[in-house]
Amino acid sequence: MHALVYLSALLCLASAASAETLEEEGRLVFLDGSGTPYINTTTIGYGLLMIVPIVLVGLLVAAALGLNLDNLFGRRSDQFNKQPYYDQDYYYQYAQRSMETLSPILEMLKEAYNKWE
């Protein structure tokens, strides 16, 4: 039994000693010898390949369980079924002013049309 404990302790010490000699490399962003930063696009691509399907499956499961996704992606509008209020007197006055402006022009067009008829 003691031999097993000593062997496992020896393996743990050996692995710790070998781990110290390994140099770590930057995964996402690293600097080259001149100090220029480089972005590892492979890591970003693999990350997206893992994250996007997980999010899509999560949304599908949420929709299947009855979660309303409109609350997550849209804003709620209370003005959907309400009719706007129009001031009828204002539009009547606007129509009267328009007719007062256009009536002389329409009269001239009518006279010209009757003249050439």
Protein backbone atom coordinates (compact mmCIF):
# COMPACT_ATOMS: atom_id res chain seq x y z
CA MET A 1 0.00 0.00 0.00
CA HIS A 2 2.85 2.36 0.85
CA ALA A 3 4.44 1.60 -2.48
CA LEU A 4 1.29 2.76 -4.29
CA VAL A 5 1.24 6.02 -2.33
CA TYR A 6 4.95 6.64 -3.01
CA LEU A 7 4.50 5.83 -6.70
CA SER A 8 1.56 8.22 -7.08
CA ALA A 9 3.48 10.96 -5.23
CA LEU A 10 6.49 10.39 -7.49
CA LEU A 11 4.29 10.62 -10.60
CA CYS A 12 2.71 13.85 -9.34
CA LEU A 13 6.14 15.40 -8.70
CA ALA A 14 7.42 14.28 -12.10
CA SER A 15 4.43 15.75 -13.91
CA ALA A 16 4.77 19.02 -11.98
CA ALA A 17 8.47 19.21 -12.86
CA SER A 18 7.79 18.59 -16.54
CA ALA A 19 4.96 21.13 -16.58
CA GLU A 20 7.30 23.87 -15.38
CA THR A 21 9.62 23.42 -18.34
CA LEU A 22 6.87 23.89 -20.95
CA GLU A 23 6.52 27.37 -22.36
CA GLU A 24 3.01 28.72 -22.64
CA GLU A 25 1.91 30.20 -25.93
CA GLY A 26 -0.83 32.75 -26.34
CA ARG A 27 -4.00 31.19 -27.65
CA LEU A 28 -6.08 34.12 -28.84
CA VAL A 29 -3.68 37.05 -29.10
CA PHE A 30 0.08 36.69 -29.05
CA LEU A 31 3.10 38.85 -29.84
CA ASP A 32 5.79 37.91 -32.31
CA GLY A 33 9.48 38.72 -31.93
CA SER A 34 9.05 42.36 -33.01
CA GLY A 35 6.16 42.96 -30.64
CA THR A 36 3.40 42.93 -33.25
CA PRO A 37 0.17 41.44 -31.90
CA TYR A 38 -1.40 38.65 -33.91
CA ILE A 39 -4.91 37.27 -33.50
CA ASN A 40 -5.33 33.53 -33.81
CA THR A 41 -8.38 33.25 -36.07
CA THR A 42 -8.47 29.47 -35.74
CA THR A 43 -9.28 29.76 -32.05
CA ILE A 44 -12.02 32.30 -32.78
CA GLY A 45 -13.45 30.03 -35.49
CA TYR A 46 -13.47 26.98 -33.22
CA GLY A 47 -15.07 29.03 -30.47
CA LEU A 48 -17.84 30.17 -32.80
CA LEU A 49 -18.33 26.62 -34.06
CA MET A 50 -18.96 25.56 -30.48
CA ILE A 51 -20.95 28.56 -29.19
CA VAL A 52 -23.35 29.22 -32.10
CA PRO A 53 -24.93 25.73 -32.19
CA ILE A 54 -25.26 25.72 -28.40
CA VAL A 55 -27.08 29.07 -28.47
CA LEU A 56 -29.34 27.95 -31.33
CA VAL A 57 -30.25 24.71 -29.57
CA GLY A 58 -30.90 26.70 -26.38
CA LEU A 59 -33.26 29.04 -28.24
CA LEU A 60 -35.08 26.12 -29.84
CA VAL A 61 -35.49 24.41 -26.47
CA ALA A 62 -36.70 27.66 -24.90
CA ALA A 63 -39.26 28.11 -27.69
CA ALA A 64 -40.36 24.48 -27.34
CA LEU A 65 -40.89 24.98 -23.62
CA GLY A 66 -43.15 27.94 -24.27
CA LEU A 67 -40.84 30.86 -23.54
CA ASN A 68 -41.94 33.92 -25.50
CA LEU A 69 -38.88 34.95 -27.52
CA ASP A 70 -40.49 38.25 -28.54
CA ASN A 71 -39.74 39.54 -25.06
CA LEU A 72 -36.06 38.76 -25.56
CA PHE A 73 -35.51 40.17 -29.04
CA GLY A 74 -38.21 42.77 -29.53
CA ARG A 75 -39.67 45.61 -27.61
CA ARG A 76 -43.24 45.65 -26.53
CA SER A 77 -45.50 48.15 -28.19
CA ASP A 78 -48.73 49.20 -26.51
CA GLN A 79 -49.69 51.33 -29.51
CA PHE A 80 -50.47 48.33 -31.72
CA ASN A 81 -54.27 48.32 -31.51
CA LYS A 82 -54.91 51.93 -30.60
CA GLN A 83 -56.27 54.29 -33.22
CA PRO A 84 -54.64 57.71 -33.31
CA TYR A 85 -56.75 60.66 -32.33
CA TYR A 86 -57.21 63.22 -35.08
CA ASP A 87 -58.37 66.74 -34.50
CA GLN A 88 -61.23 66.95 -36.97
CA ASP A 89 -61.60 70.73 -36.82
CA TYR A 90 -57.99 71.25 -37.82
CA TYR A 91 -58.36 69.04 -40.89
CA TYR A 92 -61.61 70.75 -41.85
CA GLN A 93 -59.90 74.14 -41.66
CA TYR A 94 -56.96 72.80 -43.67
CA ALA A 95 -59.31 71.51 -46.38
CA GLN A 96 -61.12 74.85 -46.49
CA ARG A 97 -57.84 76.76 -46.91
CA SER A 98 -56.74 74.35 -49.62
CA MET A 99 -59.98 74.79 -51.52
CA GLU A 100 -59.76 78.59 -51.20
CA THR A 101 -56.28 78.43 -52.68
CA LEU A 102 -57.12 75.98 -55.46
CA SER A 103 -60.57 77.21 -56.46
CA PRO A 104 -59.31 80.12 -58.64
CA ILE A 105 -56.93 77.77 -60.43
CA LEU A 106 -59.68 75.23 -61.01
CA GLU A 107 -62.01 77.96 -62.29
CA MET A 108 -59.38 79.12 -64.80
CA LEU A 109 -58.82 75.55 -65.99
CA LYS A 110 -62.58 75.08 -66.37
CA GLU A 111 -62.91 78.30 -68.41
CA ALA A 112 -59.96 77.31 -70.62
CA TYR A 113 -61.45 73.88 -71.19
CA ASN A 114 -64.87 75.36 -72.10
CA LYS A 115 -63.20 77.92 -74.37
CA TRP A 116 -61.37 75.28 -76.43
CA GLU A 117 -64.29 72.88 -76.53
